[in-house]
C-alpha cells in the first residue's frame, strides 16, 4: 500500500512539474524583444573627462541582450504626471519627462538643482512593469552619480519599495551600496529591466554628474502591460 501511495505521489508531482514547465515555456514563447525608438546622437560643448571609480566599460550597454516583454507591452508613462523633490526646476518643465520627445538639444530637458534629487511618475494604476528607460543628458559625455530606480504602490516610497538599479558605490544617497555601474550617457539612455513588478509609481534618483552638480532628465519611459 505504501509503495502504491509513493508511486501515485511521484506521478502527481511529475504531472505538476511538467505542467509548470509547459506554462513557463508558453510564457517565454509569448515574449518579444522590447523595441525602443532611440534619438539620433548629439555631441556639443567641450568634452569633460568622465572619472568615477565604478564606470562601466565602453560598449557594454550595446552588447546587452534586449529585454523580453509581453506582446501587449506599451510605454505607460506617456503624458503621465511627474513630480519631483525640486518643485521649481532651474530649466524646463517636469512634463518634459513624459512628453515623448527625446531630443538632446536645449529646450528639451529639465535641470534640477544640485544634491540628491528625484523625479516620480504616477502611472495612475498599479500595472505589470517590465522595463524603465531613462535619458538624462547626452549632448556631452558625462556620468550621473547615485542613479537609483525604484518602484512602489506608495506615493511616499515608505513601504513596498523595490530597487531595480543602484550605482551608488559609496552609499552617499543613504539607500545602500549599489551593485550597478556608473555609465556614460549616450542617445541610447539606459534601459533597466524590472521583472514584471506590479507598481503604480516609479521614482528615479540622481546626485549631480561628472560635468557639474546639476541633475538632468530628457525623457523617462516605463514599459508595461496596461491595467485592466
Foldseek 3Di string as FASTA:
>chain_A
DVVVVVVVVVVVVVVVVVVVVVVVVVVQVQWDFDDDDFDDWAADDDADDADDPFEDDPPPQVPDDGFIAGPQKDFLQAQFDKDKPARDFPADDRSLARPPDLDQDPPQKTKHDAFKMKMKTFSPFFFFFWKKFFAFHGNYWKWWEFKWKWFAQDPVCPPPIDTQFTCHCPCPVVPDHTPDGIYIGISRGDMTTDPRDTGRMMMIITHAMSVDRMTMTRYMTIIGHDDD
